[in-house]
Amino acid sequence: MASPLTLLLVRHGQSEWNAAGRMQGQTAHVPLTELGHRQAAQAAAELAALAEQGRGPGALFSSDLRRALQTAEHCAAATGLPVRTTPALREQGYGVLEGRPSRELWDVVDWTDPHWAAEGGESLADLHLRIGSFLDGLRADPPAEVVALVTHGDTIRAAQAVAAGLAPAEMPALTPHNGTVTVLELAGCRGEPGAAVSRVLR
């Protein structure tokens, strides 16, 4: 039986491509906007407040994409934790579609097929598998009882699905807003009934 684990899933602050309505995927260089930095600082303050209550993170991981790393820097400053980066926490890859206006892609992306992938990108099933492997590693050898993960919208939805034993086609429909902290409480093994409870702070 794996140890109980609480995840604090931080969605990065607004990026320049969020503001411009462009598909980001795994494009690495996109920075936060001024609003994004304020959102990141607010998320970091929430982590610090949890720490004051004795419920804060004991480890901090981040996607290695710039918008997540900039958010993680705020979290590190607020908690005093070092940032551990990993490509496992990246957003779903959209390959050749990255950088295009999102409004142009509604008729290009098959949002209903969890196995559809853009050329050079990932399917939701691929994302689900990647996040599942990462969470299995955390369950097997937790670095702390509470772990903060700075990551991306679809990655958070995949983590929620994996923790609840849901298939890629059953991922939650709602994506947390930029700069929010989603608490995901895990108990037991992946896929166990009642093994995941998820809520968004604020």
N, C-alpha and C. Protein backbone atom coordinates (compact mmCIF):
# COMPACT_ATOMS: atom_id res chain seq x y z
N MET A 1 0.85 -1.19 0.00
CA MET A 1 0.00 0.00 0.00
C MET A 1 0.89 1.24 0.00
N ALA A 2 0.68 2.13 -0.97
CA ALA A 2 1.45 3.36 -1.04
C ALA A 2 1.01 4.33 0.05
N SER A 3 1.91 5.21 0.44
CA SER A 3 1.61 6.19 1.47
C SER A 3 0.60 7.21 0.95
N PRO A 4 -0.28 7.73 1.84
CA PRO A 4 -1.18 8.80 1.43
C PRO A 4 -0.37 10.01 0.95
N LEU A 5 -0.94 10.73 0.04
CA LEU A 5 -0.21 11.85 -0.58
C LEU A 5 -1.20 12.94 -0.95
N THR A 6 -0.84 14.19 -0.64
CA THR A 6 -1.64 15.33 -1.06
C THR A 6 -0.85 16.12 -2.09
N LEU A 7 -1.47 16.39 -3.22
CA LEU A 7 -0.86 17.19 -4.27
C LEU A 7 -1.51 18.56 -4.32
N LEU A 8 -0.68 19.59 -4.44
CA LEU A 8 -1.15 20.96 -4.66
C LEU A 8 -0.79 21.31 -6.10
N LEU A 9 -1.77 21.24 -6.98
CA LEU A 9 -1.56 21.41 -8.41
C LEU A 9 -1.74 22.88 -8.77
N VAL A 10 -0.65 23.55 -9.09
CA VAL A 10 -0.67 24.98 -9.41
C VAL A 10 -0.67 25.14 -10.92
N ARG A 11 -1.71 25.76 -11.46
CA ARG A 11 -1.67 26.08 -12.89
C ARG A 11 -0.90 27.39 -13.06
N HIS A 12 0.01 27.41 -14.01
CA HIS A 12 0.83 28.61 -14.25
C HIS A 12 -0.04 29.84 -14.47
N GLY A 13 0.54 31.00 -14.23
CA GLY A 13 -0.16 32.25 -14.49
C GLY A 13 -0.36 32.48 -15.98
N GLN A 14 -1.15 33.48 -16.30
CA GLN A 14 -1.43 33.80 -17.70
C GLN A 14 -0.13 34.05 -18.46
N SER A 15 -0.01 33.41 -19.62
CA SER A 15 1.16 33.62 -20.48
C SER A 15 0.80 34.58 -21.62
N GLU A 16 1.82 35.02 -22.34
CA GLU A 16 1.57 35.90 -23.48
C GLU A 16 0.70 35.21 -24.53
N TRP A 17 0.88 33.90 -24.69
CA TRP A 17 0.06 33.19 -25.69
C TRP A 17 -1.34 32.90 -25.17
N ASN A 18 -1.51 32.74 -23.84
CA ASN A 18 -2.86 32.69 -23.29
C ASN A 18 -3.60 33.97 -23.66
N ALA A 19 -2.94 35.10 -23.42
CA ALA A 19 -3.58 36.39 -23.67
C ALA A 19 -3.88 36.60 -25.15
N ALA A 20 -3.02 36.07 -26.02
CA ALA A 20 -3.20 36.24 -27.46
C ALA A 20 -4.09 35.17 -28.07
N GLY A 21 -4.49 34.17 -27.29
CA GLY A 21 -5.34 33.11 -27.81
C GLY A 21 -4.63 32.18 -28.77
N ARG A 22 -3.36 31.89 -28.49
CA ARG A 22 -2.57 30.99 -29.35
C ARG A 22 -2.37 29.64 -28.66
N MET A 23 -2.35 28.58 -29.46
CA MET A 23 -2.13 27.24 -28.94
C MET A 23 -0.69 27.10 -28.46
N GLN A 24 -0.51 26.72 -27.20
CA GLN A 24 0.84 26.67 -26.63
C GLN A 24 1.43 25.27 -26.64
N GLY A 25 0.70 24.30 -26.11
CA GLY A 25 1.24 22.95 -26.02
C GLY A 25 2.56 22.95 -25.28
N GLN A 26 3.58 22.39 -25.91
CA GLN A 26 4.89 22.28 -25.27
C GLN A 26 5.90 23.32 -25.79
N THR A 27 5.41 24.37 -26.44
CA THR A 27 6.30 25.45 -26.84
C THR A 27 6.97 26.01 -25.58
N ALA A 28 8.29 26.02 -25.59
CA ALA A 28 9.02 26.20 -24.33
C ALA A 28 9.22 27.64 -23.89
N HIS A 29 9.26 28.59 -24.83
CA HIS A 29 9.81 29.91 -24.50
C HIS A 29 8.79 30.94 -24.06
N VAL A 30 7.49 30.61 -24.05
CA VAL A 30 6.46 31.64 -23.83
C VAL A 30 6.46 32.11 -22.37
N PRO A 31 6.65 33.42 -22.12
CA PRO A 31 6.71 33.93 -20.75
C PRO A 31 5.34 34.34 -20.22
N LEU A 32 5.31 34.62 -18.92
CA LEU A 32 4.11 35.15 -18.29
C LEU A 32 3.90 36.61 -18.66
N THR A 33 2.65 37.04 -18.63
CA THR A 33 2.32 38.45 -18.71
C THR A 33 2.44 39.08 -17.32
N GLU A 34 2.26 40.38 -17.24
CA GLU A 34 2.25 41.03 -15.92
C GLU A 34 1.13 40.44 -15.06
N LEU A 35 -0.06 40.24 -15.67
CA LEU A 35 -1.16 39.60 -14.95
C LEU A 35 -0.75 38.20 -14.50
N GLY A 36 -0.06 37.48 -15.38
CA GLY A 36 0.38 36.13 -15.05
C GLY A 36 1.30 36.10 -13.84
N HIS A 37 2.19 37.08 -13.74
CA HIS A 37 3.06 37.15 -12.57
C HIS A 37 2.25 37.44 -11.30
N ARG A 38 1.24 38.29 -11.41
CA ARG A 38 0.39 38.55 -10.23
C ARG A 38 -0.38 37.29 -9.83
N GLN A 39 -0.88 36.55 -10.83
CA GLN A 39 -1.58 35.31 -10.53
C GLN A 39 -0.64 34.28 -9.88
N ALA A 40 0.59 34.21 -10.40
CA ALA A 40 1.57 33.29 -9.83
C ALA A 40 1.90 33.67 -8.39
N ALA A 41 2.03 34.96 -8.13
CA ALA A 41 2.31 35.42 -6.77
C ALA A 41 1.16 35.09 -5.83
N GLN A 42 -0.08 35.17 -6.33
CA GLN A 42 -1.22 34.82 -5.51
C GLN A 42 -1.23 33.33 -5.18
N ALA A 43 -0.93 32.50 -6.18
CA ALA A 43 -0.85 31.06 -5.94
C ALA A 43 0.25 30.75 -4.92
N ALA A 44 1.37 31.43 -5.06
CA ALA A 44 2.48 31.23 -4.12
C ALA A 44 2.07 31.63 -2.71
N ALA A 45 1.32 32.71 -2.59
CA ALA A 45 0.84 33.15 -1.27
C ALA A 45 -0.08 32.11 -0.65
N GLU A 46 -0.88 31.44 -1.49
CA GLU A 46 -1.76 30.39 -0.98
C GLU A 46 -0.95 29.21 -0.46
N LEU A 47 0.14 28.86 -1.15
CA LEU A 47 1.00 27.79 -0.66
C LEU A 47 1.63 28.18 0.68
N ALA A 48 2.06 29.45 0.78
CA ALA A 48 2.66 29.92 2.02
C ALA A 48 1.65 29.91 3.16
N ALA A 49 0.41 30.28 2.86
CA ALA A 49 -0.64 30.27 3.89
C ALA A 49 -0.90 28.85 4.37
N LEU A 50 -0.88 27.89 3.46
CA LEU A 50 -1.06 26.49 3.87
C LEU A 50 0.11 26.05 4.76
N ALA A 51 1.31 26.52 4.44
CA ALA A 51 2.48 26.17 5.25
C ALA A 51 2.33 26.71 6.67
N GLU A 52 1.78 27.92 6.81
CA GLU A 52 1.58 28.50 8.13
C GLU A 52 0.57 27.69 8.94
N GLN A 53 -0.33 27.00 8.25
CA GLN A 53 -1.33 26.14 8.90
C GLN A 53 -0.83 24.72 9.12
N GLY A 54 0.43 24.46 8.73
CA GLY A 54 0.98 23.12 8.86
C GLY A 54 0.55 22.18 7.76
N ARG A 55 0.00 22.74 6.67
CA ARG A 55 -0.49 21.90 5.57
C ARG A 55 0.21 22.23 4.25
N GLY A 56 1.36 22.88 4.34
CA GLY A 56 2.07 23.31 3.14
C GLY A 56 2.91 22.21 2.53
N PRO A 57 3.42 22.48 1.34
CA PRO A 57 4.21 21.47 0.64
C PRO A 57 5.59 21.28 1.26
N GLY A 58 6.07 20.03 1.15
CA GLY A 58 7.43 19.73 1.57
C GLY A 58 8.34 19.51 0.39
N ALA A 59 7.78 19.57 -0.81
CA ALA A 59 8.56 19.43 -2.04
C ALA A 59 7.84 20.20 -3.15
N LEU A 60 8.61 20.71 -4.10
CA LEU A 60 8.07 21.55 -5.18
C LEU A 60 8.64 21.08 -6.51
N PHE A 61 7.75 20.61 -7.38
CA PHE A 61 8.12 20.19 -8.73
C PHE A 61 7.49 21.15 -9.74
N SER A 62 8.11 21.26 -10.90
CA SER A 62 7.57 22.12 -11.96
C SER A 62 7.83 21.53 -13.33
N SER A 63 6.89 21.76 -14.21
CA SER A 63 7.14 21.59 -15.64
C SER A 63 8.35 22.44 -16.02
N ASP A 64 9.08 21.99 -17.04
CA ASP A 64 10.27 22.76 -17.45
C ASP A 64 9.98 23.80 -18.52
N LEU A 65 8.71 24.03 -18.84
CA LEU A 65 8.34 25.08 -19.80
C LEU A 65 8.36 26.44 -19.09
N ARG A 66 8.76 27.48 -19.81
CA ARG A 66 9.06 28.78 -19.19
C ARG A 66 7.91 29.33 -18.36
N ARG A 67 6.69 29.26 -18.87
CA ARG A 67 5.56 29.84 -18.16
C ARG A 67 5.34 29.16 -16.80
N ALA A 68 5.60 27.85 -16.75
CA ALA A 68 5.48 27.13 -15.48
C ALA A 68 6.67 27.45 -14.56
N LEU A 69 7.87 27.51 -15.14
CA LEU A 69 9.05 27.80 -14.33
C LEU A 69 8.97 29.18 -13.69
N GLN A 70 8.48 30.16 -14.45
CA GLN A 70 8.34 31.50 -13.87
C GLN A 70 7.34 31.49 -12.71
N THR A 71 6.30 30.70 -12.85
CA THR A 71 5.33 30.56 -11.76
C THR A 71 5.96 29.86 -10.58
N ALA A 72 6.74 28.81 -10.86
CA ALA A 72 7.39 28.06 -9.79
C ALA A 72 8.38 28.92 -9.01
N GLU A 73 9.01 29.88 -9.69
CA GLU A 73 9.94 30.76 -8.98
C GLU A 73 9.23 31.57 -7.90
N HIS A 74 8.01 32.00 -8.19
CA HIS A 74 7.21 32.69 -7.16
C HIS A 74 6.93 31.73 -5.99
N CYS A 75 6.58 30.49 -6.32
CA CYS A 75 6.25 29.50 -5.29
C CYS A 75 7.48 29.17 -4.45
N ALA A 76 8.63 29.08 -5.08
CA ALA A 76 9.86 28.80 -4.36
C ALA A 76 10.21 29.93 -3.40
N ALA A 77 10.03 31.17 -3.86
CA ALA A 77 10.33 32.32 -3.01
C ALA A 77 9.41 32.37 -1.80
N ALA A 78 8.16 31.95 -1.99
CA ALA A 78 7.18 32.03 -0.90
C ALA A 78 7.32 30.88 0.09
N THR A 79 7.81 29.74 -0.36
CA THR A 79 7.87 28.55 0.50
C THR A 79 9.28 28.21 0.98
N GLY A 80 10.30 28.74 0.31
CA GLY A 80 11.67 28.39 0.63
C GLY A 80 12.10 27.04 0.09
N LEU A 81 11.29 26.44 -0.78
CA LEU A 81 11.60 25.13 -1.34
C LEU A 81 12.36 25.27 -2.65
N PRO A 82 13.30 24.39 -2.93
CA PRO A 82 13.94 24.38 -4.25
C PRO A 82 12.98 23.81 -5.28
N VAL A 83 13.14 24.25 -6.52
CA VAL A 83 12.29 23.77 -7.62
C VAL A 83 12.97 22.59 -8.31
N ARG A 84 12.23 21.49 -8.43
CA ARG A 84 12.71 20.35 -9.19
C ARG A 84 11.94 20.33 -10.51
N THR A 85 12.63 20.45 -11.63
CA THR A 85 11.94 20.50 -12.92
C THR A 85 11.87 19.12 -13.54
N THR A 86 10.80 18.89 -14.30
CA THR A 86 10.63 17.62 -14.99
C THR A 86 9.77 17.80 -16.24
N PRO A 87 10.15 17.21 -17.36
CA PRO A 87 9.30 17.27 -18.55
C PRO A 87 8.02 16.47 -18.40
N ALA A 88 7.94 15.62 -17.37
CA ALA A 88 6.73 14.83 -17.15
C ALA A 88 5.52 15.70 -16.86
N LEU A 89 5.75 16.93 -16.39
CA LEU A 89 4.64 17.83 -16.04
C LEU A 89 4.31 18.82 -17.15
N ARG A 90 4.86 18.62 -18.33
CA ARG A 90 4.53 19.52 -19.45
C ARG A 90 3.06 19.41 -19.85
N GLU A 91 2.62 20.44 -20.58
CA GLU A 91 1.29 20.42 -21.19
C GLU A 91 1.25 19.37 -22.28
N GLN A 92 0.04 19.01 -22.69
CA GLN A 92 -0.13 18.13 -23.85
C GLN A 92 0.54 18.77 -25.06
N GLY A 93 1.31 18.00 -25.80
CA GLY A 93 1.97 18.51 -26.99
C GLY A 93 1.02 18.56 -28.18
N TYR A 94 1.04 19.67 -28.91
CA TYR A 94 0.19 19.82 -30.10
C TYR A 94 0.99 19.93 -31.38
N GLY A 95 2.28 19.62 -31.32
CA GLY A 95 3.09 19.50 -32.52
C GLY A 95 2.99 20.68 -33.46
N VAL A 96 2.63 20.41 -34.71
CA VAL A 96 2.62 21.43 -35.75
C VAL A 96 1.56 22.50 -35.53
N LEU A 97 0.62 22.27 -34.62
CA LEU A 97 -0.45 23.24 -34.38
C LEU A 97 -0.04 24.33 -33.39
N GLU A 98 1.08 24.15 -32.70
CA GLU A 98 1.47 25.12 -31.69
C GLU A 98 1.85 26.46 -32.32
N GLY A 99 1.36 27.50 -31.69
CA GLY A 99 1.58 28.85 -32.19
C GLY A 99 0.43 29.38 -33.02
N ARG A 100 -0.45 28.50 -33.48
CA ARG A 100 -1.59 28.96 -34.28
C ARG A 100 -2.69 29.51 -33.38
N PRO A 101 -3.51 30.44 -33.89
CA PRO A 101 -4.64 30.93 -33.10
C PRO A 101 -5.58 29.78 -32.74
N SER A 102 -5.94 29.68 -31.48
CA SER A 102 -6.78 28.57 -31.02
C SER A 102 -8.12 28.54 -31.74
N ARG A 103 -8.65 29.72 -32.10
CA ARG A 103 -9.97 29.76 -32.73
C ARG A 103 -9.96 29.09 -34.10
N GLU A 104 -8.79 28.94 -34.71
CA GLU A 104 -8.70 28.29 -36.02
C GLU A 104 -8.70 26.77 -35.91
N LEU A 105 -8.61 26.24 -34.71
CA LEU A 105 -8.36 24.81 -34.55
C LEU A 105 -9.60 24.01 -34.17
N TRP A 106 -10.74 24.67 -33.99
CA TRP A 106 -11.93 23.93 -33.59
C TRP A 106 -12.33 22.88 -34.61
N ASP A 107 -12.07 23.16 -35.88
CA ASP A 107 -12.42 22.20 -36.92
C ASP A 107 -11.24 21.31 -37.31
N VAL A 108 -10.10 21.50 -36.65
CA VAL A 108 -8.89 20.72 -36.95
C VAL A 108 -8.67 19.63 -35.91
N VAL A 109 -8.82 20.00 -34.64
CA VAL A 109 -8.61 19.07 -33.53
C VAL A 109 -9.86 18.23 -33.33
N ASP A 110 -9.70 16.92 -33.16
CA ASP A 110 -10.82 16.05 -32.81
C ASP A 110 -10.88 15.96 -31.29
N TRP A 111 -11.63 16.87 -30.69
CA TRP A 111 -11.68 16.96 -29.24
C TRP A 111 -12.39 15.76 -28.62
N THR A 112 -13.11 14.97 -29.41
CA THR A 112 -13.89 13.84 -28.87
C THR A 112 -13.11 12.54 -28.85
N ASP A 113 -11.96 12.47 -29.52
CA ASP A 113 -11.21 11.23 -29.64
C ASP A 113 -9.95 11.30 -28.76
N PRO A 114 -9.90 10.54 -27.66
CA PRO A 114 -8.73 10.63 -26.77
C PRO A 114 -7.45 10.09 -27.40
N HIS A 115 -7.55 9.44 -28.56
CA HIS A 115 -6.37 8.90 -29.22
C HIS A 115 -5.92 9.75 -30.41
N TRP A 116 -6.64 10.86 -30.67
CA TRP A 116 -6.24 11.75 -31.76
C TRP A 116 -5.02 12.57 -31.32
N ALA A 117 -4.09 12.76 -32.23
CA ALA A 117 -2.92 13.60 -31.95
C ALA A 117 -2.56 14.38 -33.20
N ALA A 118 -2.14 15.62 -33.02
CA ALA A 118 -1.61 16.41 -34.13
C ALA A 118 -0.26 15.83 -34.54
N GLU A 119 0.15 16.13 -35.76
CA GLU A 119 1.46 15.68 -36.23
C GLU A 119 2.55 16.21 -35.28
N GLY A 120 3.35 15.30 -34.75
CA GLY A 120 4.41 15.69 -33.84
C GLY A 120 3.94 15.95 -32.42
N GLY A 121 2.67 15.68 -32.13
CA GLY A 121 2.12 15.96 -30.81
C GLY A 121 1.72 14.73 -30.05
N GLU A 122 0.90 14.91 -29.03
CA GLU A 122 0.45 13.85 -28.15
C GLU A 122 -1.07 13.77 -28.18
N SER A 123 -1.59 12.59 -27.94
CA SER A 123 -3.03 12.42 -27.71
C SER A 123 -3.31 12.60 -26.22
N LEU A 124 -4.60 12.72 -25.88
CA LEU A 124 -4.96 12.76 -24.47
C LEU A 124 -4.57 11.45 -23.79
N ALA A 125 -4.65 10.35 -24.53
CA ALA A 125 -4.24 9.06 -23.97
C ALA A 125 -2.75 9.06 -23.64
N ASP A 126 -1.95 9.68 -24.51
CA ASP A 126 -0.51 9.80 -24.25
C ASP A 126 -0.26 10.63 -22.99
N LEU A 127 -0.97 11.75 -22.89
CA LEU A 127 -0.83 12.63 -21.72
C LEU A 127 -1.23 11.88 -20.45
N HIS A 128 -2.35 11.19 -20.51
CA HIS A 128 -2.86 10.41 -19.37
C HIS A 128 -1.81 9.39 -18.92
N LEU A 129 -1.19 8.70 -19.87
CA LEU A 129 -0.17 7.70 -19.54
C LEU A 129 1.06 8.35 -18.92
N ARG A 130 1.48 9.48 -19.48
CA ARG A 130 2.66 10.19 -18.96
C ARG A 130 2.44 10.65 -17.52
N ILE A 131 1.29 11.24 -17.27
CA ILE A 131 1.00 11.72 -15.92
C ILE A 131 0.80 10.55 -14.96
N GLY A 132 0.18 9.48 -15.45
CA GLY A 132 0.00 8.30 -14.61
C GLY A 132 1.32 7.73 -14.15
N SER A 133 2.29 7.68 -15.05
CA SER A 133 3.61 7.17 -14.69
C SER A 133 4.28 8.07 -13.65
N PHE A 134 4.14 9.39 -13.84
CA PHE A 134 4.75 10.32 -12.88
C PHE A 134 4.10 10.17 -11.51
N LEU A 135 2.77 10.10 -11.45
CA LEU A 135 2.10 9.97 -10.16
C LEU A 135 2.41 8.64 -9.49
N ASP A 136 2.55 7.58 -10.29
CA ASP A 136 2.93 6.29 -9.72
C ASP A 136 4.28 6.39 -9.02
N GLY A 137 5.21 7.13 -9.62
CA GLY A 137 6.51 7.33 -9.00
C GLY A 137 6.41 8.08 -7.69
N LEU A 138 5.55 9.11 -7.65
CA LEU A 138 5.36 9.86 -6.41
C LEU A 138 4.72 8.99 -5.34
N ARG A 139 3.75 8.17 -5.73
CA ARG A 139 3.09 7.28 -4.76
C ARG A 139 4.08 6.28 -4.18
N ALA A 140 4.94 5.75 -5.04
CA ALA A 140 5.87 4.71 -4.62
C ALA A 140 6.94 5.26 -3.68
N ASP A 141 7.37 6.50 -3.90
CA ASP A 141 8.45 7.09 -3.10
C ASP A 141 8.17 8.58 -2.89
N PRO A 142 7.18 8.92 -2.06
CA PRO A 142 6.81 10.32 -1.88
C PRO A 142 7.95 11.13 -1.27
N PRO A 143 8.29 12.28 -1.87
CA PRO A 143 9.33 13.13 -1.28
C PRO A 143 8.83 13.88 -0.06
N ALA A 144 7.52 13.92 0.13
CA ALA A 144 6.90 14.60 1.28
C ALA A 144 5.44 14.16 1.32
N GLU A 145 4.78 14.45 2.43
CA GLU A 145 3.35 14.11 2.53
C GLU A 145 2.50 15.04 1.67
N VAL A 146 3.00 16.27 1.46
CA VAL A 146 2.32 17.26 0.60
C VAL A 146 3.33 17.73 -0.44
N VAL A 147 2.94 17.64 -1.70
CA VAL A 147 3.84 17.99 -2.81
C VAL A 147 3.14 19.00 -3.71
N ALA A 148 3.81 20.09 -4.03
CA ALA A 148 3.29 21.08 -4.97
C ALA A 148 3.83 20.78 -6.37
N LEU A 149 2.93 20.79 -7.35
CA LEU A 149 3.29 20.56 -8.75
C LEU A 149 2.85 21.76 -9.56
N VAL A 150 3.79 22.50 -10.13
CA VAL A 150 3.45 23.64 -10.98
C VAL A 150 3.39 23.16 -12.41
N THR A 151 2.21 23.28 -13.01
CA THR A 151 2.01 22.61 -14.28
C THR A 151 0.98 23.35 -15.13
N HIS A 152 0.21 22.63 -15.93
CA HIS A 152 -0.63 23.21 -16.99
C HIS A 152 -2.06 22.68 -16.89
N GLY A 153 -2.96 23.35 -17.59
CA GLY A 153 -4.38 23.05 -17.45
C GLY A 153 -4.75 21.62 -17.78
N ASP A 154 -4.38 21.15 -18.97
CA ASP A 154 -4.74 19.78 -19.36
C ASP A 154 -4.00 18.75 -18.53
N THR A 155 -2.81 19.09 -18.08
CA THR A 155 -2.04 18.19 -17.24
C THR A 155 -2.73 18.00 -15.89
N ILE A 156 -3.30 19.06 -15.36
CA ILE A 156 -4.06 18.96 -14.12
C ILE A 156 -5.29 18.09 -14.32
N ARG A 157 -5.99 18.28 -15.44
CA ARG A 157 -7.17 17.44 -15.70
C ARG A 157 -6.77 15.97 -15.82
N ALA A 158 -5.62 15.70 -16.44
CA ALA A 158 -5.15 14.33 -16.56
C ALA A 158 -4.82 13.75 -15.19
N ALA A 159 -4.20 14.55 -14.32
CA ALA A 159 -3.87 14.08 -12.98
C ALA A 159 -5.14 13.75 -12.19
N GLN A 160 -6.16 14.58 -12.33
CA GLN A 160 -7.43 14.31 -11.65
C GLN A 160 -8.03 12.99 -12.14
N ALA A 161 -7.97 12.76 -13.45
CA ALA A 161 -8.53 11.53 -14.01
C ALA A 161 -7.74 10.31 -13.55
N VAL A 162 -6.42 10.40 -13.63
CA VAL A 162 -5.58 9.27 -13.22
C VAL A 162 -5.84 8.92 -11.76
N ALA A 163 -5.87 9.93 -10.91
CA ALA A 163 -6.04 9.69 -9.48
C ALA A 163 -7.38 9.04 -9.16
N ALA A 164 -8.40 9.37 -9.96
CA ALA A 164 -9.74 8.83 -9.73
C ALA A 164 -9.99 7.52 -10.48
N GLY A 165 -8.97 7.04 -11.20
CA GLY A 165 -9.15 5.80 -11.95
C GLY A 165 -9.99 5.96 -13.20
N LEU A 166 -10.04 7.17 -13.75
CA LEU A 166 -10.82 7.45 -14.95
C LEU A 166 -9.97 7.33 -16.20
N ALA A 167 -10.59 6.90 -17.28
CA ALA A 167 -9.90 6.76 -18.56
C ALA A 167 -9.68 8.12 -19.20
N PRO A 168 -8.82 8.21 -20.22
CA PRO A 168 -8.59 9.49 -20.90
C PRO A 168 -9.86 10.15 -21.41
N ALA A 169 -10.81 9.35 -21.87
CA ALA A 169 -12.06 9.91 -22.39
C ALA A 169 -12.94 10.48 -21.29
N GLU A 170 -12.61 10.19 -20.03
CA GLU A 170 -13.42 10.63 -18.90
C GLU A 170 -12.77 11.76 -18.11
N MET A 171 -11.74 12.38 -18.68
CA MET A 171 -11.08 13.48 -17.98
C MET A 171 -12.09 14.59 -17.67
N PRO A 172 -11.94 15.28 -16.53
CA PRO A 172 -12.85 16.38 -16.20
C PRO A 172 -12.89 17.40 -17.33
N ALA A 173 -14.08 17.96 -17.54
CA ALA A 173 -14.25 18.91 -18.64
C ALA A 173 -13.70 20.29 -18.31
N LEU A 174 -13.72 20.66 -17.04
CA LEU A 174 -13.33 22.01 -16.64
C LEU A 174 -11.83 22.10 -16.39
N THR A 175 -11.22 23.13 -16.97
CA THR A 175 -9.80 23.39 -16.76
C THR A 175 -9.64 24.47 -15.69
N PRO A 176 -8.83 24.24 -14.66
CA PRO A 176 -8.64 25.28 -13.64
C PRO A 176 -8.09 26.56 -14.26
N HIS A 177 -8.48 27.69 -13.70
CA HIS A 177 -8.02 28.98 -14.20
C HIS A 177 -6.53 29.17 -13.93
N ASN A 178 -5.92 30.06 -14.70
CA ASN A 178 -4.52 30.41 -14.48
C ASN A 178 -4.32 30.90 -13.05
N GLY A 179 -3.25 30.41 -12.42
CA GLY A 179 -2.90 30.89 -11.10
C GLY A 179 -3.69 30.29 -9.96
N THR A 180 -4.50 29.26 -10.23
CA THR A 180 -5.25 28.60 -9.16
C THR A 180 -4.46 27.43 -8.61
N VAL A 181 -4.83 27.03 -7.38
CA VAL A 181 -4.24 25.86 -6.73
C VAL A 181 -5.34 24.83 -6.54
N THR A 182 -5.16 23.67 -7.13
CA THR A 182 -6.11 22.57 -7.00
C THR A 182 -5.52 21.54 -6.04
N VAL A 183 -6.27 21.21 -5.00
CA VAL A 183 -5.82 20.22 -4.02
C VAL A 183 -6.33 18.85 -4.46
N LEU A 184 -5.41 17.91 -4.60
CA LEU A 184 -5.76 16.55 -4.99
C LEU A 184 -5.26 15.61 -3.91
N GLU A 185 -6.19 15.02 -3.19
CA GLU A 185 -5.83 14.14 -2.08
C GLU A 185 -5.90 12.69 -2.55
N LEU A 186 -4.79 12.00 -2.44
CA LEU A 186 -4.70 10.62 -2.90
C LEU A 186 -4.59 9.69 -1.70
N ALA A 187 -5.21 8.53 -1.81
CA ALA A 187 -5.08 7.52 -0.76
C ALA A 187 -5.14 6.16 -1.42
N GLY A 188 -4.27 5.27 -0.99
CA GLY A 188 -4.28 3.93 -1.54
C GLY A 188 -3.65 3.88 -2.91
N CYS A 189 -4.07 2.94 -3.73
CA CYS A 189 -3.48 2.70 -5.04
C CYS A 189 -4.29 3.37 -6.13
N ARG A 190 -3.65 3.62 -7.25
CA ARG A 190 -4.33 4.25 -8.37
C ARG A 190 -5.56 3.43 -8.78
N GLY A 191 -6.68 4.13 -8.98
CA GLY A 191 -7.88 3.45 -9.43
C GLY A 191 -8.74 2.87 -8.32
N GLU A 192 -8.28 2.92 -7.08
CA GLU A 192 -9.12 2.45 -5.99
C GLU A 192 -10.34 3.34 -5.87
N PRO A 193 -11.52 2.79 -5.60
CA PRO A 193 -12.70 3.61 -5.37
C PRO A 193 -12.46 4.59 -4.22
N GLY A 194 -12.78 5.83 -4.44
CA GLY A 194 -12.60 6.84 -3.40
C GLY A 194 -11.16 7.23 -3.17
N ALA A 195 -10.29 6.91 -4.14
CA ALA A 195 -8.87 7.17 -3.93
C ALA A 195 -8.47 8.61 -4.19
N ALA A 196 -9.38 9.43 -4.70
CA ALA A 196 -9.01 10.81 -5.03
C ALA A 196 -10.12 11.76 -4.65
N VAL A 197 -9.74 12.85 -3.98
CA VAL A 197 -10.65 13.95 -3.71
C VAL A 197 -10.00 15.21 -4.21
N SER A 198 -10.71 15.96 -5.06
CA SER A 198 -10.10 17.13 -5.70
C SER A 198 -10.94 18.37 -5.42
N ARG A 199 -10.27 19.48 -5.11
CA ARG A 199 -10.99 20.74 -4.94
C ARG A 199 -10.04 21.89 -5.29
N VAL A 200 -10.60 23.00 -5.75
CA VAL A 200 -9.81 24.17 -6.10
C VAL A 200 -9.89 25.16 -4.94
N LEU A 201 -8.73 25.63 -4.49
CA LEU A 201 -8.73 26.66 -3.46
C LEU A 201 -9.35 27.93 -3.99
N ARG A 202 -9.85 28.78 -3.07
CA ARG A 202 -10.59 30.01 -3.40
C ARG A 202 -11.96 29.63 -3.87
